[in-house]
Amino acid sequence: MASVVTELGRQFEAKTGHHKVQTDFAVIAVSKRKIDAGATFDIAILGPAAIDELIDHGKIIRDTRTSFGRTGLGVAARKGGAKPDISSAEAFKRAMLGAKSVGHSKEGLSGVHFLAILDRLGIAAEMKVKLKAYEGAGLTQAIATEEVELGVTGIGPILAMPSAEFLGALPKEIQSYVVFTAGVTASAKDVAASRALLQFMTGPDAATVFKAKGMERD
C-alpha cells in the first residue's frame, strides 16, 4: 500500500499543481493506535474493521468509506540466495520446514495471516524456533543481510525490497489477503481536496499502479 500511495500521491501533486501529499506509513495496528491517541490526518488507509470503528466514532465520514484493494502474501529471499519451490501447498510446507529461518511482520496483518497458514498446515509448532518477527523495515534488512533465509509478507512490500528476490505468491489453496479500506476524516482541513485525492487513488486510471506494485483492486 505504501508504494501505491507514494506513486499516486506524486501523480496527484503533478496533476493539481498546488496540493502536497504528506504520508506516514506503518502497519495497520500501529496506525490505528496513533489515530486513537489523537494523531491528525486527512485520509486513513487501514483494515475494513478499523475504518468501520472510526466511522462509528465519528472520526471518518461515512460516505467516504472506499475499498483500497488488497495484497496477497508472497515469499522473498536475498538476491542470489536459495529459491525453494513454493508452487503448491505441499511444496510451500516443505520450503518452510527446510529453511533455516523465516522472517515475518511482527504486528502487520501479513504476519497474522502467515502464522494462521502455518497452523492450517500443521507445522506451527515445528516452525516456532525458526521464526523471527520484525517491525517496520526490519524484515527488509534481515533478508538483505541473510539474518533470515526466507521472508513471508505482502507481495507489495516484497517488490519494494531492493535486495530481495520475489519467489512468488503463496499457492491459491493457502493464499490469504491483507485488505485495505480508506476514508476521509471529519476533521480534515480541506475535505474537498481529501475527497479528490481519495477518488484519484481509487479511480480506474490507478489500476496500472496497483498492479505494478503488487496490489489488486478487488
C-alpha atoms as a PDB file:
ATOM      1  CA  MET A   1       0.000   0.000   0.000  1.00  0.00           C
ATOM      2  CA  ALA A   2       2.850   2.403   0.797  1.00  0.00           C
ATOM      3  CA  SER A   3       4.348   2.132  -2.680  1.00  0.00           C
ATOM      4  CA  VAL A   4       0.926   2.611  -4.293  1.00  0.00           C
ATOM      5  CA  VAL A   5       0.145   5.705  -2.218  1.00  0.00           C
ATOM      6  CA  THR A   6       3.597   7.180  -2.812  1.00  0.00           C
ATOM      7  CA  GLU A   7       3.317   6.889  -6.588  1.00  0.00           C
ATOM      8  CA  LEU A   8      -0.301   8.026  -6.831  1.00  0.00           C
ATOM      9  CA  GLY A   9       0.397  10.868  -4.435  1.00  0.00           C
ATOM     10  CA  ARG A  10       3.199  12.026  -6.720  1.00  0.00           C
ATOM     11  CA  GLN A  11       0.851  11.861  -9.700  1.00  0.00           C
ATOM     12  CA  PHE A  12      -1.847  13.792  -7.828  1.00  0.00           C
ATOM     13  CA  GLU A  13       0.642  16.531  -6.942  1.00  0.00           C
ATOM     14  CA  ALA A  14       1.680  16.823 -10.579  1.00  0.00           C
ATOM     15  CA  LYS A  15      -1.941  16.882 -11.738  1.00  0.00           C
ATOM     16  CA  THR A  16      -3.180  19.533  -9.320  1.00  0.00           C
ATOM     17  CA  GLY A  17      -0.004  21.609  -9.153  1.00  0.00           C
ATOM     18  CA  HIS A  18      -0.832  23.011  -5.729  1.00  0.00           C
ATOM     19  CA  HIS A  19      -1.504  20.123  -3.345  1.00  0.00           C
ATOM     20  CA  LYS A  20       1.283  18.432  -1.392  1.00  0.00           C
ATOM     21  CA  VAL A  21       0.676  14.860  -0.218  1.00  0.00           C
ATOM     22  CA  GLN A  22       2.340  14.038   3.100  1.00  0.00           C
ATOM     23  CA  THR A  23       2.345  10.426   4.230  1.00  0.00           C
ATOM     24  CA  ASP A  24       3.018   8.380   7.325  1.00  0.00           C
ATOM     25  CA  PHE A  25       3.303   4.617   6.821  1.00  0.00           C
ATOM     26  CA  ALA A  26       3.036   1.880   9.416  1.00  0.00           C
ATOM     27  CA  VAL A  27       1.297  -1.458   9.790  1.00  0.00           C
ATOM     28  CA  ILE A  28      -2.448  -1.155  10.384  1.00  0.00           C
ATOM     29  CA  ALA A  29      -2.274  -1.850  14.132  1.00  0.00           C
ATOM     30  CA  VAL A  30       0.315   0.885  14.690  1.00  0.00           C
ATOM     31  CA  SER A  31      -1.516   3.440  12.535  1.00  0.00           C
ATOM     32  CA  LYS A  32      -4.765   2.731  14.363  1.00  0.00           C
ATOM     33  CA  ARG A  33      -3.064   3.280  17.731  1.00  0.00           C
ATOM     34  CA  LYS A  34      -1.695   6.618  16.516  1.00  0.00           C
ATOM     35  CA  ILE A  35      -5.166   7.750  15.441  1.00  0.00           C
ATOM     36  CA  ASP A  36      -6.718   6.592  18.719  1.00  0.00           C
ATOM     37  CA  ALA A  37      -4.051   8.590  20.553  1.00  0.00           C
ATOM     38  CA  GLY A  38      -5.060  11.754  18.717  1.00  0.00           C
ATOM     39  CA  ALA A  39      -2.854  11.857  15.622  1.00  0.00           C
ATOM     40  CA  THR A  40      -4.209  14.231  12.985  1.00  0.00           C
ATOM     41  CA  PHE A  41      -4.807  13.044   9.438  1.00  0.00           C
ATOM     42  CA  ASP A  42      -6.901  13.740   6.347  1.00  0.00           C
ATOM     43  CA  ILE A  43      -7.165  10.220   4.896  1.00  0.00           C
ATOM     44  CA  ALA A  44      -6.710   6.913   6.712  1.00  0.00           C
ATOM     45  CA  ILE A  45      -5.999   3.643   4.926  1.00  0.00           C
ATOM     46  CA  LEU A  46      -6.476   0.757   7.335  1.00  0.00           C
ATOM     47  CA  GLY A  47      -8.299  -2.559   7.534  1.00  0.00           C
ATOM     48  CA  PRO A  48     -12.094  -2.607   6.994  1.00  0.00           C
ATOM     49  CA  ALA A  49     -12.864  -3.219  10.687  1.00  0.00           C
ATOM     50  CA  ALA A  50     -10.619  -0.339  11.801  1.00  0.00           C
ATOM     51  CA  ILE A  51     -12.213   2.089   9.338  1.00  0.00           C
ATOM     52  CA  ASP A  52     -15.699   0.994  10.395  1.00  0.00           C
ATOM     53  CA  GLU A  53     -14.806   1.614  14.037  1.00  0.00           C
ATOM     54  CA  LEU A  54     -13.579   5.113  13.205  1.00  0.00           C
ATOM     55  CA  ILE A  55     -16.803   5.770  11.287  1.00  0.00           C
ATOM     56  CA  ASP A  56     -18.836   4.672  14.301  1.00  0.00           C
ATOM     57  CA  HIS A  57     -16.817   7.059  16.480  1.00  0.00           C
ATOM     58  CA  GLY A  58     -17.370   9.964  14.096  1.00  0.00           C
ATOM     59  CA  LYS A  59     -13.727  10.195  13.021  1.00  0.00           C
ATOM     60  CA  ILE A  60     -14.290   9.110   9.403  1.00  0.00           C
ATOM     61  CA  ILE A  61     -17.011  10.473   7.106  1.00  0.00           C
ATOM     62  CA  ARG A  62     -19.267   7.503   6.399  1.00  0.00           C
ATOM     63  CA  ASP A  63     -19.845   8.171   2.705  1.00  0.00           C
ATOM     64  CA  THR A  64     -16.099   8.333   2.035  1.00  0.00           C
ATOM     65  CA  ARG A  65     -15.559   4.687   3.017  1.00  0.00           C
ATOM     66  CA  THR A  66     -13.756   3.231  -0.001  1.00  0.00           C
ATOM     67  CA  SER A  67     -12.199  -0.124  -0.806  1.00  0.00           C
ATOM     68  CA  PHE A  68      -8.466   0.360  -1.350  1.00  0.00           C
ATOM     69  CA  GLY A  69      -7.585  -3.069  -2.704  1.00  0.00           C
ATOM     70  CA  ARG A  70      -5.721  -5.992  -1.275  1.00  0.00           C
ATOM     71  CA  THR A  71      -2.363  -7.730  -1.412  1.00  0.00           C
ATOM     72  CA  GLY A  72      -1.704 -11.439  -1.170  1.00  0.00           C
ATOM     73  CA  LEU A  73       1.219 -13.000   0.666  1.00  0.00           C
ATOM     74  CA  GLY A  74       4.443 -13.933  -1.076  1.00  0.00           C
ATOM     75  CA  VAL A  75       7.867 -15.349  -0.317  1.00  0.00           C
ATOM     76  CA  ALA A  76      11.112 -13.393  -0.556  1.00  0.00           C
ATOM     77  CA  ALA A  77      14.786 -14.368  -0.423  1.00  0.00           C
ATOM     78  CA  ARG A  78      18.014 -12.432  -0.790  1.00  0.00           C
ATOM     79  CA  LYS A  79      19.021 -11.977  -4.410  1.00  0.00           C
ATOM     80  CA  GLY A  80      21.280 -14.862  -5.311  1.00  0.00           C
ATOM     81  CA  GLY A  81      20.032 -16.939  -2.389  1.00  0.00           C
ATOM     82  CA  ALA A  82      18.099 -20.193  -2.263  1.00  0.00           C
ATOM     83  CA  LYS A  83      14.955 -20.479  -4.393  1.00  0.00           C
ATOM     84  CA  PRO A  84      12.795 -23.246  -2.953  1.00  0.00           C
ATOM     85  CA  ASP A  85       9.722 -24.484  -4.778  1.00  0.00           C
ATOM     86  CA  ILE A  86       6.536 -22.923  -3.386  1.00  0.00           C
ATOM     87  CA  SER A  87       4.203 -23.825  -6.260  1.00  0.00           C
ATOM     88  CA  SER A  88       1.802 -25.902  -4.161  1.00  0.00           C
ATOM     89  CA  ALA A  89       0.696 -26.060  -0.546  1.00  0.00           C
ATOM     90  CA  GLU A  90       2.838 -29.150  -0.001  1.00  0.00           C
ATOM     91  CA  ALA A  91       5.849 -27.513  -1.678  1.00  0.00           C
ATOM     92  CA  PHE A  92       5.397 -24.372   0.445  1.00  0.00           C
ATOM     93  CA  LYS A  93       5.235 -26.552   3.549  1.00  0.00           C
ATOM     94  CA  ARG A  94       8.491 -28.287   2.592  1.00  0.00           C
ATOM     95  CA  ALA A  95      10.131 -24.923   1.878  1.00  0.00           C
ATOM     96  CA  MET A  96       9.193 -23.613   5.305  1.00  0.00           C
ATOM     97  CA  LEU A  97      10.387 -26.732   7.104  1.00  0.00           C
ATOM     98  CA  GLY A  98      13.596 -26.780   5.067  1.00  0.00           C
ATOM     99  CA  ALA A  99      14.520 -23.148   5.719  1.00  0.00           C
ATOM    100  CA  LYS A 100      16.971 -22.315   8.489  1.00  0.00           C
ATOM    101  CA  SER A 101      14.986 -19.203   9.421  1.00  0.00           C
ATOM    102  CA  VAL A 102      11.889 -17.375   8.217  1.00  0.00           C
ATOM    103  CA  GLY A 103      11.006 -13.747   8.858  1.00  0.00           C
ATOM    104  CA  HIS A 104       7.584 -12.107   9.001  1.00  0.00           C
ATOM    105  CA  SER A 105       5.868  -8.936  10.169  1.00  0.00           C
ATOM    106  CA  LYS A 106       5.537  -8.619  13.936  1.00  0.00           C
ATOM    107  CA  GLU A 107       2.249  -6.693  14.099  1.00  0.00           C
ATOM    108  CA  GLY A 108       1.169  -6.431  10.467  1.00  0.00           C
ATOM    109  CA  LEU A 109      -1.781  -8.473   9.227  1.00  0.00           C
ATOM    110  CA  SER A 110       0.512 -10.302   6.815  1.00  0.00           C
ATOM    111  CA  GLY A 111       2.248 -11.800   9.843  1.00  0.00           C
ATOM    112  CA  VAL A 112      -1.070 -12.729  11.445  1.00  0.00           C
ATOM    113  CA  HIS A 113      -2.182 -14.450   8.247  1.00  0.00           C
ATOM    114  CA  PHE A 114       1.163 -16.223   7.833  1.00  0.00           C
ATOM    115  CA  LEU A 115       1.049 -17.697  11.322  1.00  0.00           C
ATOM    116  CA  ALA A 116      -2.519 -18.838  10.696  1.00  0.00           C
ATOM    117  CA  ILE A 117      -1.376 -20.569   7.491  1.00  0.00           C
ATOM    118  CA  LEU A 118       1.371 -22.430   9.354  1.00  0.00           C
ATOM    119  CA  ASP A 119      -1.255 -23.584  11.823  1.00  0.00           C
ATOM    120  CA  ARG A 120      -3.514 -24.768   8.991  1.00  0.00           C
ATOM    121  CA  LEU A 121      -0.609 -26.720   7.510  1.00  0.00           C
ATOM    122  CA  GLY A 122       0.033 -28.353  10.874  1.00  0.00           C
ATOM    123  CA  ILE A 123       3.610 -27.088  11.200  1.00  0.00           C
ATOM    124  CA  ALA A 124       3.210 -24.158  13.610  1.00  0.00           C
ATOM    125  CA  ALA A 125       4.985 -25.964  16.450  1.00  0.00           C
ATOM    126  CA  GLU A 126       7.881 -27.120  14.269  1.00  0.00           C
ATOM    127  CA  MET A 127       8.340 -23.646  12.788  1.00  0.00           C
ATOM    128  CA  LYS A 128       8.331 -21.787  16.098  1.00  0.00           C
ATOM    129  CA  VAL A 129      12.115 -21.991  16.612  1.00  0.00           C
ATOM    130  CA  LYS A 130      12.780 -20.770  13.049  1.00  0.00           C
ATOM    131  CA  LEU A 131      10.515 -17.738  13.040  1.00  0.00           C
ATOM    132  CA  LYS A 132      11.701 -14.175  13.533  1.00  0.00           C
ATOM    133  CA  ALA A 133       9.285 -11.243  13.747  1.00  0.00           C
ATOM    134  CA  TYR A 134      10.223  -7.737  12.617  1.00  0.00           C
ATOM    135  CA  GLU A 135       8.799  -4.242  12.844  1.00  0.00           C
ATOM    136  CA  GLY A 136       8.823  -1.713  10.031  1.00  0.00           C
ATOM    137  CA  ALA A 137      11.710  -2.131   7.605  1.00  0.00           C
ATOM    138  CA  GLY A 138      13.355  -4.741   9.826  1.00  0.00           C
ATOM    139  CA  LEU A 139      12.339  -7.629   7.576  1.00  0.00           C
ATOM    140  CA  THR A 140      13.851  -5.933   4.519  1.00  0.00           C
ATOM    141  CA  GLN A 141      17.162  -5.561   6.342  1.00  0.00           C
ATOM    142  CA  ALA A 142      17.034  -9.117   7.697  1.00  0.00           C
ATOM    143  CA  ILE A 143      16.627 -10.553   4.201  1.00  0.00           C
ATOM    144  CA  ALA A 144      19.364  -8.324   2.754  1.00  0.00           C
ATOM    145  CA  THR A 145      21.865  -9.422   5.415  1.00  0.00           C
ATOM    146  CA  GLU A 146      20.706 -13.062   5.381  1.00  0.00           C
ATOM    147  CA  GLU A 147      19.665 -12.840   9.012  1.00  0.00           C
ATOM    148  CA  VAL A 148      16.715 -14.852   7.721  1.00  0.00           C
ATOM    149  CA  GLU A 149      16.812 -17.221   4.772  1.00  0.00           C
ATOM    150  CA  LEU A 150      13.250 -16.501   3.668  1.00  0.00           C
ATOM    151  CA  GLY A 151      10.650 -13.848   4.350  1.00  0.00           C
ATOM    152  CA  VAL A 152       6.885 -14.166   4.069  1.00  0.00           C
ATOM    153  CA  THR A 153       4.943 -10.922   3.799  1.00  0.00           C
ATOM    154  CA  GLY A 154       2.722  -8.952   1.435  1.00  0.00           C
ATOM    155  CA  ILE A 155       3.637  -9.101  -2.248  1.00  0.00           C
ATOM    156  CA  GLY A 156       3.738  -5.306  -2.455  1.00  0.00           C
ATOM    157  CA  PRO A 157       6.395  -4.909   0.243  1.00  0.00           C
ATOM    158  CA  ILE A 158       8.494  -7.663  -1.342  1.00  0.00           C
ATOM    159  CA  LEU A 159       8.504  -5.938  -4.724  1.00  0.00           C
ATOM    160  CA  ALA A 160       9.749  -2.781  -2.992  1.00  0.00           C
ATOM    161  CA  MET A 161      12.707  -4.551  -1.339  1.00  0.00           C
ATOM    162  CA  PRO A 162      15.873  -3.619  -3.287  1.00  0.00           C
ATOM    163  CA  SER A 163      17.953  -6.588  -2.124  1.00  0.00           C
ATOM    164  CA  ALA A 164      15.262  -9.237  -2.215  1.00  0.00           C
ATOM    165  CA  GLU A 165      14.009 -11.549  -4.909  1.00  0.00           C
ATOM    166  CA  PHE A 166      10.297 -12.303  -5.176  1.00  0.00           C
ATOM    167  CA  LEU A 167       9.974 -16.087  -5.279  1.00  0.00           C
ATOM    168  CA  GLY A 168       6.248 -16.000  -5.943  1.00  0.00           C
ATOM    169  CA  ALA A 169       2.858 -15.696  -4.332  1.00  0.00           C
ATOM    170  CA  LEU A 170       1.571 -18.321  -1.942  1.00  0.00           C
ATOM    171  CA  PRO A 171      -0.377 -21.092  -3.706  1.00  0.00           C
ATOM    172  CA  LYS A 172      -4.083 -20.342  -4.196  1.00  0.00           C
ATOM    173  CA  GLU A 173      -5.190 -23.080  -1.813  1.00  0.00           C
ATOM    174  CA  ILE A 174      -3.496 -21.380   1.134  1.00  0.00           C
ATOM    175  CA  GLN A 175      -3.293 -17.768  -0.043  1.00  0.00           C
ATOM    176  CA  SER A 176      -4.537 -15.090   2.337  1.00  0.00           C
ATOM    177  CA  TYR A 177      -5.063 -11.395   1.670  1.00  0.00           C
ATOM    178  CA  VAL A 178      -4.437  -8.193   3.582  1.00  0.00           C
ATOM    179  CA  VAL A 179      -7.410  -5.993   2.690  1.00  0.00           C
ATOM    180  CA  PHE A 180      -7.259  -2.192   2.841  1.00  0.00           C
ATOM    181  CA  THR A 181     -10.101   0.285   3.223  1.00  0.00           C
ATOM    182  CA  ALA A 182      -9.829   4.079   3.204  1.00  0.00           C
ATOM    183  CA  GLY A 183     -11.820   7.055   4.415  1.00  0.00           C
ATOM    184  CA  VAL A 184     -11.612  10.826   4.862  1.00  0.00           C
ATOM    185  CA  THR A 185     -11.607  12.221   8.376  1.00  0.00           C
ATOM    186  CA  ALA A 186     -14.392  14.507   9.515  1.00  0.00           C
ATOM    187  CA  SER A 187     -11.755  16.964  10.792  1.00  0.00           C
ATOM    188  CA  ALA A 188      -9.773  17.273   7.540  1.00  0.00           C
ATOM    189  CA  LYS A 189      -8.519  20.808   6.871  1.00  0.00           C
ATOM    190  CA  ASP A 190      -9.749  20.548   3.287  1.00  0.00           C
ATOM    191  CA  VAL A 191     -12.401  17.860   2.945  1.00  0.00           C
ATOM    192  CA  ALA A 192     -12.919  18.541  -0.760  1.00  0.00           C
ATOM    193  CA  ALA A 193      -9.222  18.109  -1.551  1.00  0.00           C
ATOM    194  CA  SER A 194      -9.057  14.972   0.595  1.00  0.00           C
ATOM    195  CA  ARG A 195     -12.050  13.508  -1.212  1.00  0.00           C
ATOM    196  CA  ALA A 196     -10.443  14.362  -4.542  1.00  0.00           C
ATOM    197  CA  LEU A 197      -7.201  12.629  -3.586  1.00  0.00           C
ATOM    198  CA  LEU A 198      -9.008   9.503  -2.418  1.00  0.00           C
ATOM    199  CA  GLN A 199     -11.070   9.404  -5.606  1.00  0.00           C
ATOM    200  CA  PHE A 200      -7.906   9.806  -7.673  1.00  0.00           C
ATOM    201  CA  MET A 201      -6.118   6.989  -5.857  1.00  0.00           C
ATOM    202  CA  THR A 202      -9.048   4.596  -6.280  1.00  0.00           C
ATOM    203  CA  GLY A 203     -10.142   5.583  -9.780  1.00  0.00           C
ATOM    204  CA  PRO A 204      -9.792   3.447 -12.920  1.00  0.00           C
ATOM    205  CA  ASP A 205      -6.597   5.220 -14.014  1.00  0.00           C
ATOM    206  CA  ALA A 206      -4.867   3.996 -10.836  1.00  0.00           C
ATOM    207  CA  ALA A 207      -5.262   0.322 -11.746  1.00  0.00           C
ATOM    208  CA  THR A 208      -1.916   0.065 -13.538  1.00  0.00           C
ATOM    209  CA  VAL A 209      -0.093   1.430 -10.489  1.00  0.00           C
ATOM    210  CA  PHE A 210      -1.816  -1.070  -8.189  1.00  0.00           C
ATOM    211  CA  LYS A 211      -0.844  -3.955 -10.451  1.00  0.00           C
ATOM    212  CA  ALA A 212       2.768  -2.812 -10.802  1.00  0.00           C
ATOM    213  CA  LYS A 213       3.125  -2.517  -7.016  1.00  0.00           C
ATOM    214  CA  GLY A 214       1.735  -5.982  -6.248  1.00  0.00           C
ATOM    215  CA  MET A 215      -1.779  -4.993  -5.192  1.00  0.00           C
ATOM    216  CA  GLU A 216      -5.203  -5.957  -6.519  1.00  0.00           C
ATOM    217  CA  ARG A 217      -8.070  -3.513  -6.734  1.00  0.00           C
ATOM    218  CA  ASP A 218     -10.685  -6.142  -5.819  1.00  0.00           C
END
